[in-house]
PDB file of all heavy atoms in Angstrom:
ATOM      1  N   ASN A   1      -9.486  -8.955 -12.830  1.00  0.00           N
ATOM      2  CA  ASN A   1      -9.185 -10.061 -11.918  1.00  0.00           C
ATOM      3  C   ASN A   1      -9.258  -9.640 -10.428  1.00  0.00           C
ATOM      4  O   ASN A   1      -8.918 -10.298  -9.494  1.00  0.00           O
ATOM      5  CB  ASN A   1      -7.794 -10.577 -12.096  1.00  0.00           C
ATOM      6  CG  ASN A   1      -7.660 -11.169 -13.438  1.00  0.00           C
ATOM      7  OD1 ASN A   1      -8.345 -11.952 -13.888  1.00  0.00           O
ATOM      8  ND2 ASN A   1      -6.517 -10.925 -14.141  1.00  0.00           N
ATOM      9  N   GLY A   2      -9.746  -8.331 -10.186  1.00  0.00           N
ATOM     10  CA  GLY A   2      -9.827  -7.816  -8.834  1.00  0.00           C
ATOM     11  C   GLY A   2      -8.569  -7.297  -8.248  1.00  0.00           C
ATOM     12  O   GLY A   2      -8.626  -7.129  -7.059  1.00  0.00           O
ATOM     13  N   VAL A   3      -7.648  -7.131  -9.068  1.00  0.00           N
ATOM     14  CA  VAL A   3      -6.359  -6.551  -8.607  1.00  0.00           C
ATOM     15  C   VAL A   3      -6.311  -5.015  -8.710  1.00  0.00           C
ATOM     16  O   VAL A   3      -6.650  -4.468  -9.794  1.00  0.00           O
ATOM     17  CB  VAL A   3      -5.146  -7.232  -9.420  1.00  0.00           C
ATOM     18  CG1 VAL A   3      -3.801  -6.642  -8.910  1.00  0.00           C
ATOM     19  CG2 VAL A   3      -5.271  -8.722  -9.265  1.00  0.00           C
ATOM     20  N   PRO A   4      -5.909  -4.257  -7.694  1.00  0.00           N
ATOM     21  CA  PRO A   4      -5.819  -2.893  -7.809  1.00  0.00           C
ATOM     22  C   PRO A   4      -4.877  -2.524  -8.854  1.00  0.00           C
ATOM     23  O   PRO A   4      -3.789  -2.983  -9.100  1.00  0.00           O
ATOM     24  CB  PRO A   4      -5.198  -2.545  -6.426  1.00  0.00           C
ATOM     25  CG  PRO A   4      -5.669  -3.539  -5.545  1.00  0.00           C
ATOM     26  CD  PRO A   4      -5.546  -4.804  -6.268  1.00  0.00           C
ATOM     27  N   VAL A   5      -5.254  -1.476  -9.648  1.00  0.00           N
ATOM     28  CA  VAL A   5      -4.560  -0.850 -10.864  1.00  0.00           C
ATOM     29  C   VAL A   5      -3.527   0.128 -10.417  1.00  0.00           C
ATOM     30  O   VAL A   5      -3.932   1.046  -9.604  1.00  0.00           O
ATOM     31  CB  VAL A   5      -5.569  -0.413 -11.954  1.00  0.00           C
ATOM     32  CG1 VAL A   5      -4.796   0.198 -13.031  1.00  0.00           C
ATOM     33  CG2 VAL A   5      -6.456  -1.481 -12.371  1.00  0.00           C
ATOM     34  N   ARG A   6      -2.355   0.158 -10.868  1.00  0.00           N
ATOM     35  CA  ARG A   6      -1.379   1.161 -10.627  1.00  0.00           C
ATOM     36  C   ARG A   6      -1.052   1.882 -11.917  1.00  0.00           C
ATOM     37  O   ARG A   6      -1.099   1.333 -13.012  1.00  0.00           O
ATOM     38  CB  ARG A   6      -0.161   0.572 -10.087  1.00  0.00           C
ATOM     39  CG  ARG A   6      -0.284  -0.079  -8.626  1.00  0.00           C
ATOM     40  CD  ARG A   6       0.934  -0.763  -8.117  1.00  0.00           C
ATOM     41  NE  ARG A   6       0.849  -1.512  -6.964  1.00  0.00           N
ATOM     42  CZ  ARG A   6       1.081  -0.927  -5.711  1.00  0.00           C
ATOM     43  NH1 ARG A   6       1.686   0.273  -5.550  1.00  0.00           N
ATOM     44  NH2 ARG A   6       1.011  -1.739  -4.640  1.00  0.00           N
ATOM     45  N   ASP A   7      -0.655   3.152 -11.654  1.00  0.00           N
ATOM     46  CA  ASP A   7      -0.260   4.000 -12.868  1.00  0.00           C
ATOM     47  C   ASP A   7       1.255   3.752 -13.180  1.00  0.00           C
ATOM     48  O   ASP A   7       1.969   2.945 -12.570  1.00  0.00           O
ATOM     49  CB  ASP A   7      -0.578   5.452 -12.715  1.00  0.00           C
ATOM     50  CG  ASP A   7       0.182   6.085 -11.537  1.00  0.00           C
ATOM     51  OD1 ASP A   7       1.179   5.525 -11.056  1.00  0.00           O
ATOM     52  OD2 ASP A   7      -0.157   7.135 -11.106  1.00  0.00           O
ATOM     53  N   ALA A   8       1.770   4.515 -14.138  1.00  0.00           N
ATOM     54  CA  ALA A   8       3.222   4.337 -14.632  1.00  0.00           C
ATOM     55  C   ALA A   8       4.172   4.627 -13.520  1.00  0.00           C
ATOM     56  O   ALA A   8       5.311   4.117 -13.649  1.00  0.00           O
ATOM     57  CB  ALA A   8       3.470   5.266 -15.850  1.00  0.00           C
ATOM     58  N   SER A   9       3.816   5.347 -12.574  1.00  0.00           N
ATOM     59  CA  SER A   9       4.726   5.693 -11.405  1.00  0.00           C
ATOM     60  C   SER A   9       4.604   4.709 -10.228  1.00  0.00           C
ATOM     61  O   SER A   9       5.261   4.851  -9.120  1.00  0.00           O
ATOM     62  CB  SER A   9       4.456   7.069 -10.851  1.00  0.00           C
ATOM     63  OG  SER A   9       4.809   8.024 -11.940  1.00  0.00           O
ATOM     64  N   GLY A  10       3.697   3.752 -10.270  1.00  0.00           N
ATOM     65  CA  GLY A  10       3.444   2.736  -9.363  1.00  0.00           C
ATOM     66  C   GLY A  10       2.444   3.107  -8.345  1.00  0.00           C
ATOM     67  O   GLY A  10       2.230   2.460  -7.333  1.00  0.00           O
ATOM     68  N   ARG A  11       1.666   4.212  -8.503  1.00  0.00           N
ATOM     69  CA  ARG A  11       0.708   4.711  -7.582  1.00  0.00           C
ATOM     70  C   ARG A  11      -0.707   3.924  -7.916  1.00  0.00           C
ATOM     71  O   ARG A  11      -0.947   3.762  -9.099  1.00  0.00           O
ATOM     72  CB  ARG A  11       0.520   6.165  -7.653  1.00  0.00           C
ATOM     73  CG  ARG A  11       1.765   6.959  -7.232  1.00  0.00           C
ATOM     74  CD  ARG A  11       1.331   8.453  -7.330  1.00  0.00           C
ATOM     75  NE  ARG A  11       2.558   9.302  -6.794  1.00  0.00           N
ATOM     76  CZ  ARG A  11       3.347   9.922  -7.574  1.00  0.00           C
ATOM     77  NH1 ARG A  11       3.102   9.842  -9.004  1.00  0.00           N
ATOM     78  NH2 ARG A  11       4.317  10.649  -7.167  1.00  0.00           N
ATOM     79  N   PHE A  12      -1.520   3.758  -6.891  1.00  0.00           N
ATOM     80  CA  PHE A  12      -2.876   3.173  -7.188  1.00  0.00           C
ATOM     81  C   PHE A  12      -3.695   4.299  -7.836  1.00  0.00           C
ATOM     82  O   PHE A  12      -3.562   5.552  -7.540  1.00  0.00           O
ATOM     83  CB  PHE A  12      -3.528   2.925  -5.821  1.00  0.00           C
ATOM     84  CG  PHE A  12      -2.877   1.703  -5.131  1.00  0.00           C
ATOM     85  CD1 PHE A  12      -2.411   1.755  -3.930  1.00  0.00           C
ATOM     86  CD2 PHE A  12      -2.987   0.483  -5.790  1.00  0.00           C
ATOM     87  CE1 PHE A  12      -1.976   0.727  -3.149  1.00  0.00           C
ATOM     88  CE2 PHE A  12      -2.375  -0.629  -5.124  1.00  0.00           C
ATOM     89  CZ  PHE A  12      -1.878  -0.550  -3.855  1.00  0.00           C
ATOM     90  N   VAL A  13      -4.515   3.819  -8.767  1.00  0.00           N
ATOM     91  CA  VAL A  13      -5.455   4.656  -9.549  1.00  0.00           C
ATOM     92  C   VAL A  13      -6.813   4.743  -8.743  1.00  0.00           C
ATOM     93  O   VAL A  13      -7.334   3.783  -8.361  1.00  0.00           O
ATOM     94  CB  VAL A  13      -5.646   4.162 -10.971  1.00  0.00           C
ATOM     95  CG1 VAL A  13      -6.767   5.036 -11.645  1.00  0.00           C
ATOM     96  CG2 VAL A  13      -4.413   4.096 -11.728  1.00  0.00           C
ATOM     97  N   THR A  14      -7.197   6.076  -8.470  1.00  0.00           N
ATOM     98  CA  THR A  14      -8.316   6.297  -7.562  1.00  0.00           C
ATOM     99  C   THR A  14      -9.619   5.990  -8.401  1.00  0.00           C
ATOM    100  O   THR A  14      -9.872   6.393  -9.501  1.00  0.00           O
ATOM    101  CB  THR A  14      -8.473   7.742  -7.102  1.00  0.00           C
ATOM    102  OG1 THR A  14      -7.118   8.102  -6.545  1.00  0.00           O
ATOM    103  CG2 THR A  14      -9.511   7.936  -6.053  1.00  0.00           C
ATOM    104  N   ASP A  15     -10.481   5.279  -7.705  1.00  0.00           N
ATOM    105  CA  ASP A  15     -11.918   4.955  -8.266  1.00  0.00           C
ATOM    106  C   ASP A  15     -12.829   5.993  -7.731  1.00  0.00           C
ATOM    107  O   ASP A  15     -13.338   6.009  -6.578  1.00  0.00           O
ATOM    108  CB  ASP A  15     -12.301   3.574  -7.835  1.00  0.00           C
ATOM    109  CG  ASP A  15     -13.748   3.189  -8.488  1.00  0.00           C
ATOM    110  OD1 ASP A  15     -14.319   4.117  -9.104  1.00  0.00           O
ATOM    111  OD2 ASP A  15     -14.103   2.029  -8.403  1.00  0.00           O
ATOM    112  N   LYS A  16     -13.092   7.079  -8.454  1.00  0.00           N
ATOM    113  CA  LYS A  16     -13.806   8.309  -8.117  1.00  0.00           C
ATOM    114  C   LYS A  16     -15.292   7.930  -7.771  1.00  0.00           C
ATOM    115  O   LYS A  16     -16.013   8.678  -7.023  1.00  0.00           O
ATOM    116  CB  LYS A  16     -13.784   9.367  -9.111  1.00  0.00           C
ATOM    117  CG  LYS A  16     -12.474   9.931  -9.378  1.00  0.00           C
ATOM    118  CD  LYS A  16     -11.886  10.854  -8.192  1.00  0.00           C
ATOM    119  CE  LYS A  16     -10.671  11.507  -8.615  1.00  0.00           C
ATOM    120  NZ  LYS A  16     -10.185  12.440  -7.492  1.00  0.00           N
ATOM    121  N   SER A  17     -15.760   6.688  -8.198  1.00  0.00           N
ATOM    122  CA  SER A  17     -17.131   6.442  -8.034  1.00  0.00           C
ATOM    123  C   SER A  17     -17.433   5.809  -6.638  1.00  0.00           C
ATOM    124  O   SER A  17     -18.601   5.666  -6.337  1.00  0.00           O
ATOM    125  CB  SER A  17     -17.585   5.396  -9.171  1.00  0.00           C
ATOM    126  OG  SER A  17     -16.898   4.215  -8.997  1.00  0.00           O
ATOM    127  N   THR A  18     -16.507   5.389  -5.877  1.00  0.00           N
ATOM    128  CA  THR A  18     -16.541   4.755  -4.648  1.00  0.00           C
ATOM    129  C   THR A  18     -16.654   5.855  -3.558  1.00  0.00           C
ATOM    130  O   THR A  18     -15.999   6.908  -3.688  1.00  0.00           O
ATOM    131  CB  THR A  18     -15.440   3.828  -4.333  1.00  0.00           C
ATOM    132  OG1 THR A  18     -14.183   4.539  -4.324  1.00  0.00           O
ATOM    133  CG2 THR A  18     -15.416   2.601  -5.462  1.00  0.00           C
ATOM    134  N   PRO A  19     -17.364   5.611  -2.434  1.00  0.00           N
ATOM    135  CA  PRO A  19     -17.400   6.612  -1.386  1.00  0.00           C
ATOM    136  C   PRO A  19     -16.082   6.385  -0.540  1.00  0.00           C
ATOM    137  O   PRO A  19     -15.351   5.436  -0.594  1.00  0.00           O
ATOM    138  CB  PRO A  19     -18.591   6.103  -0.536  1.00  0.00           C
ATOM    139  CG  PRO A  19     -18.665   4.615  -0.822  1.00  0.00           C
ATOM    140  CD  PRO A  19     -18.272   4.457  -2.175  1.00  0.00           C
ATOM    141  N   ARG A  20     -15.811   7.475   0.216  1.00  0.00           N
ATOM    142  CA  ARG A  20     -14.670   7.387   1.225  1.00  0.00           C
ATOM    143  C   ARG A  20     -15.064   6.331   2.286  1.00  0.00           C
ATOM    144  O   ARG A  20     -16.144   6.488   2.844  1.00  0.00           O
ATOM    145  CB  ARG A  20     -14.407   8.736   1.780  1.00  0.00           C
ATOM    146  CG  ARG A  20     -13.702   9.698   0.854  1.00  0.00           C
ATOM    147  CD  ARG A  20     -12.992  10.832   1.679  1.00  0.00           C
ATOM    148  NE  ARG A  20     -12.454  11.845   0.813  1.00  0.00           N
ATOM    149  CZ  ARG A  20     -13.050  12.887   0.265  1.00  0.00           C
ATOM    150  NH1 ARG A  20     -14.326  12.989   0.567  1.00  0.00           N
ATOM    151  NH2 ARG A  20     -12.396  13.705  -0.443  1.00  0.00           N
ATOM    152  N   LYS A  21     -14.029   5.566   2.614  1.00  0.00           N
ATOM    153  CA  LYS A  21     -14.094   4.677   3.709  1.00  0.00           C
ATOM    154  C   LYS A  21     -13.283   5.023   4.771  1.00  0.00           C
ATOM    155  O   LYS A  21     -12.088   5.518   4.533  1.00  0.00           O
ATOM    156  CB  LYS A  21     -13.805   3.214   3.227  1.00  0.00           C
ATOM    157  CG  LYS A  21     -14.700   2.686   2.181  1.00  0.00           C
ATOM    158  CD  LYS A  21     -14.259   1.345   1.680  1.00  0.00           C
ATOM    159  CE  LYS A  21     -15.279   0.807   0.637  1.00  0.00           C
ATOM    160  NZ  LYS A  21     -14.772  -0.584   0.055  1.00  0.00           N
ATOM    161  N   LEU A  22     -13.636   4.883   6.014  1.00  0.00           N
ATOM    162  CA  LEU A  22     -12.832   5.237   7.170  1.00  0.00           C
ATOM    163  C   LEU A  22     -11.643   4.373   7.455  1.00  0.00           C
ATOM    164  O   LEU A  22     -11.921   3.170   7.594  1.00  0.00           O
ATOM    165  CB  LEU A  22     -13.641   5.441   8.489  1.00  0.00           C
ATOM    166  CG  LEU A  22     -14.748   6.511   8.432  1.00  0.00           C
ATOM    167  CD1 LEU A  22     -15.668   6.453   9.728  1.00  0.00           C
ATOM    168  CD2 LEU A  22     -14.090   7.921   8.394  1.00  0.00           C
ATOM    169  N   ALA A  23     -10.577   4.998   7.512  1.00  0.00           N
ATOM    170  CA  ALA A  23      -9.363   4.272   7.995  1.00  0.00           C
ATOM    171  C   ALA A  23      -9.034   4.473   9.445  1.00  0.00           C
ATOM    172  O   ALA A  23      -8.387   3.578  10.065  1.00  0.00           O
ATOM    173  CB  ALA A  23      -8.034   4.713   7.203  1.00  0.00           C
ATOM    174  N   PHE A  24      -9.553   5.518  10.043  1.00  0.00           N
ATOM    175  CA  PHE A  24      -9.367   5.834  11.426  1.00  0.00           C
ATOM    176  C   PHE A  24     -10.487   6.825  11.857  1.00  0.00           C
ATOM    177  O   PHE A  24     -10.910   7.677  11.143  1.00  0.00           O
ATOM    178  CB  PHE A  24      -8.024   6.434  11.726  1.00  0.00           C
ATOM    179  CG  PHE A  24      -7.775   6.641  13.209  1.00  0.00           C
ATOM    180  CD1 PHE A  24      -7.210   5.695  13.925  1.00  0.00           C
ATOM    181  CD2 PHE A  24      -7.947   7.979  13.775  1.00  0.00           C
ATOM    182  CE1 PHE A  24      -6.933   5.836  15.218  1.00  0.00           C
ATOM    183  CE2 PHE A  24      -7.686   8.128  15.083  1.00  0.00           C
ATOM    184  CZ  PHE A  24      -7.221   7.197  15.812  1.00  0.00           C
ATOM    185  N   ASP A  25     -10.991   6.524  13.062  1.00  0.00           N
ATOM    186  CA  ASP A  25     -12.273   7.364  13.524  1.00  0.00           C
ATOM    187  C   ASP A  25     -12.159   7.276  15.045  1.00  0.00           C
ATOM    188  O   ASP A  25     -12.363   6.167  15.679  1.00  0.00           O
ATOM    189  CB  ASP A  25     -13.545   6.831  12.942  1.00  0.00           C
ATOM    190  CG  ASP A  25     -14.601   7.722  13.381  1.00  0.00           C
ATOM    191  OD1 ASP A  25     -14.488   8.910  13.809  1.00  0.00           O
ATOM    192  OD2 ASP A  25     -15.905   7.116  13.280  1.00  0.00           O
ATOM    193  N   THR A  26     -12.034   8.455  15.689  1.00  0.00           N
ATOM    194  CA  THR A  26     -12.159   8.470  17.071  1.00  0.00           C
ATOM    195  C   THR A  26     -12.706   9.920  17.617  1.00  0.00           C
ATOM    196  O   THR A  26     -12.506  10.821  16.833  1.00  0.00           O
ATOM    197  CB  THR A  26     -10.664   8.295  17.703  1.00  0.00           C
ATOM    198  OG1 THR A  26     -10.786   8.325  19.211  1.00  0.00           O
ATOM    199  CG2 THR A  26      -9.711   9.511  17.327  1.00  0.00           C
ATOM    200  N   ASP A  27     -13.442   9.804  18.531  1.00  0.00           N
ATOM    201  CA  ASP A  27     -13.845  11.031  19.166  1.00  0.00           C
ATOM    202  C   ASP A  27     -14.248  10.766  20.685  1.00  0.00           C
ATOM    203  O   ASP A  27     -14.651   9.709  20.880  1.00  0.00           O
ATOM    204  CB  ASP A  27     -15.177  11.640  18.488  1.00  0.00           C
ATOM    205  CG  ASP A  27     -16.464  10.879  18.767  1.00  0.00           C
ATOM    206  OD1 ASP A  27     -16.428   9.787  18.146  1.00  0.00           O
ATOM    207  OD2 ASP A  27     -17.252  11.109  19.463  1.00  0.00           O
ATOM    208  N   GLY A  28     -13.933  11.775  21.467  1.00  0.00           N
ATOM    209  CA  GLY A  28     -14.241  11.503  22.876  1.00  0.00           C
ATOM    210  C   GLY A  28     -13.125  12.175  23.710  1.00  0.00           C
ATOM    211  O   GLY A  28     -12.514  13.159  23.315  1.00  0.00           O
ATOM    212  N   LEU A  29     -13.117  11.756  25.026  1.00  0.00           N
ATOM    213  CA  LEU A  29     -12.281  12.505  26.059  1.00  0.00           C
ATOM    214  C   LEU A  29     -10.747  12.232  25.754  1.00  0.00           C
ATOM    215  O   LEU A  29     -10.470  11.137  25.413  1.00  0.00           O
ATOM    216  CB  LEU A  29     -12.632  11.867  27.358  1.00  0.00           C
ATOM    217  CG  LEU A  29     -11.963  12.561  28.611  1.00  0.00           C
ATOM    218  CD1 LEU A  29     -12.389  14.045  28.871  1.00  0.00           C
ATOM    219  CD2 LEU A  29     -12.201  11.667  29.938  1.00  0.00           C
ATOM    220  N   ILE A  30      -9.995  13.237  26.018  1.00  0.00           N
ATOM    221  CA  ILE A  30      -8.503  13.052  25.965  1.00  0.00           C
ATOM    222  C   ILE A  30      -8.034  13.664  27.233  1.00  0.00           C
ATOM    223  O   ILE A  30      -8.635  14.636  27.813  1.00  0.00           O
ATOM    224  CB  ILE A  30      -7.880  13.841  24.693  1.00  0.00           C
ATOM    225  CG1 ILE A  30      -8.249  15.247  24.791  1.00  0.00           C
ATOM    226  CG2 ILE A  30      -8.380  13.162  23.492  1.00  0.00           C
ATOM    227  CD1 ILE A  30      -7.511  16.112  23.593  1.00  0.00           C
ATOM    228  N   TRP A  31      -6.836  13.259  27.621  1.00  0.00           N
ATOM    229  CA  TRP A  31      -6.248  13.770  28.950  1.00  0.00           C
ATOM    230  C   TRP A  31      -4.780  13.510  28.880  1.00  0.00           C
ATOM    231  O   TRP A  31      -4.322  12.606  28.256  1.00  0.00           O
ATOM    232  CB  TRP A  31      -6.884  13.204  30.274  1.00  0.00           C
ATOM    233  CG  TRP A  31      -6.708  11.734  30.437  1.00  0.00           C
ATOM    234  CD1 TRP A  31      -7.549  10.769  30.002  1.00  0.00           C
ATOM    235  CD2 TRP A  31      -5.626  11.105  31.024  1.00  0.00           C
ATOM    236  NE1 TRP A  31      -7.189   9.526  30.250  1.00  0.00           N
ATOM    237  CE2 TRP A  31      -5.915   9.636  30.803  1.00  0.00           C
ATOM    238  CE3 TRP A  31      -4.406  11.396  31.573  1.00  0.00           C
ATOM    239  CZ2 TRP A  31      -5.072   8.686  31.395  1.00  0.00           C
ATOM    240  CZ3 TRP A  31      -3.597  10.497  32.068  1.00  0.00           C
ATOM    241  CH2 TRP A  31      -3.883   9.090  32.011  1.00  0.00           C
ATOM    242  N   ASP A  32      -3.995  14.198  29.655  1.00  0.00           N
ATOM    243  CA  ASP A  32      -2.718  13.872  29.900  1.00  0.00           C
ATOM    244  C   ASP A  32      -2.221  14.514  31.270  1.00  0.00           C
ATOM    245  O   ASP A  32      -2.865  15.441  31.795  1.00  0.00           O
ATOM    246  CB  ASP A  32      -1.651  14.300  28.861  1.00  0.00           C
ATOM    247  CG  ASP A  32      -1.739  15.853  28.518  1.00  0.00           C
ATOM    248  OD1 ASP A  32      -1.526  16.632  29.495  1.00  0.00           O
ATOM    249  OD2 ASP A  32      -2.119  16.136  27.405  1.00  0.00           O
ATOM    250  N   ALA A  33      -1.161  13.935  31.912  1.00  0.00           N
ATOM    251  CA  ALA A  33      -0.677  14.384  33.148  1.00  0.00           C
ATOM    252  C   ALA A  33       0.833  14.178  33.111  1.00  0.00           C
ATOM    253  O   ALA A  33       1.389  13.258  32.436  1.00  0.00           O
ATOM    254  CB  ALA A  33      -1.273  13.747  34.274  1.00  0.00           C
ATOM    255  N   GLY A  34       1.543  14.994  33.792  1.00  0.00           N
ATOM    256  CA  GLY A  34       2.970  14.941  33.675  1.00  0.00           C
ATOM    257  C   GLY A  34       3.618  15.956  34.773  1.00  0.00           C
ATOM    258  O   GLY A  34       3.147  16.449  35.650  1.00  0.00           O
ATOM    259  N   VAL A  35       4.908  15.945  34.611  1.00  0.00           N
ATOM    260  CA  VAL A  35       5.827  16.799  35.451  1.00  0.00           C
ATOM    261  C   VAL A  35       6.827  17.435  34.663  1.00  0.00           C
ATOM    262  O   VAL A  35       7.244  17.055  33.591  1.00  0.00           O
ATOM    263  CB  VAL A  35       6.584  15.905  36.476  1.00  0.00           C
ATOM    264  CG1 VAL A  35       7.450  14.842  35.873  1.00  0.00           C
ATOM    265  CG2 VAL A  35       7.342  16.684  37.529  1.00  0.00           C
ATOM    266  N   MET A  36       7.214  18.632  35.065  1.00  0.00           N
ATOM    267  CA  MET A  36       8.229  19.570  34.395  1.00  0.00           C
ATOM    268  C   MET A  36       9.332  19.890  35.431  1.00  0.00           C
ATOM    269  O   MET A  36       8.893  20.398  36.533  1.00  0.00           O
ATOM    270  CB  MET A  36       7.569  20.717  33.788  1.00  0.00           C
ATOM    271  CG  MET A  36       8.498  21.493  32.826  1.00  0.00           C
ATOM    272  SD  MET A  36       9.542  22.601  33.536  1.00  0.00           S
ATOM    273  CE  MET A  36      10.266  23.322  32.095  1.00  0.00           C
ATOM    274  N   TRP A  37      10.536  19.744  35.124  1.00  0.00           N
ATOM    275  CA  TRP A  37      11.645  20.076  35.935  1.00  0.00           C
ATOM    276  C   TRP A  37      12.592  20.984  35.229  1.00  0.00           C
ATOM    277  O   TRP A  37      13.095  20.739  34.217  1.00  0.00           O
ATOM    278  CB  TRP A  37      12.413  18.678  36.407  1.00  0.00           C
ATOM    279  CG  TRP A  37      13.621  19.008  37.196  1.00  0.00           C
ATOM    280  CD1 TRP A  37      13.776  19.580  38.492  1.00  0.00           C
ATOM    281  CD2 TRP A  37      14.970  18.674  36.791  1.00  0.00           C
ATOM    282  NE1 TRP A  37      15.025  19.705  38.871  1.00  0.00           N
ATOM    283  CE2 TRP A  37      15.811  19.015  37.885  1.00  0.00           C
ATOM    284  CE3 TRP A  37      15.499  18.013  35.742  1.00  0.00           C
ATOM    285  CZ2 TRP A  37      17.200  18.870  37.832  1.00  0.00           C
ATOM    286  CZ3 TRP A  37      16.862  17.760  35.733  1.00  0.00           C
ATOM    287  CH2 TRP A  37      17.692  18.220  36.718  1.00  0.00           C
ATOM    288  N   GLN A  38      12.837  22.198  35.948  1.00  0.00           N
ATOM    289  CA  GLN A  38      13.758  23.165  35.255  1.00  0.00           C
ATOM    290  C   GLN A  38      14.652  23.643  36.338  1.00  0.00           C
ATOM    291  O   GLN A  38      14.406  24.822  36.996  1.00  0.00           O
ATOM    292  CB  GLN A  38      12.870  24.287  34.575  1.00  0.00           C
ATOM    293  CG  GLN A  38      13.835  25.330  33.838  1.00  0.00           C
ATOM    294  CD  GLN A  38      13.066  26.298  33.097  1.00  0.00           C
ATOM    295  OE1 GLN A  38      12.062  26.821  33.756  1.00  0.00           O
ATOM    296  NE2 GLN A  38      13.277  26.590  31.888  1.00  0.00           N
TER     297      GLN A  38
END
């Protein structure tokens, strides 16, 4: 029925035949600026 299958512990069963799909992807410049008081 197209419903994800779970095992006896309630976890999703992995389909090893499918490729990995990206859940998050970033690359590029990072920066930060701030102040320190002691």
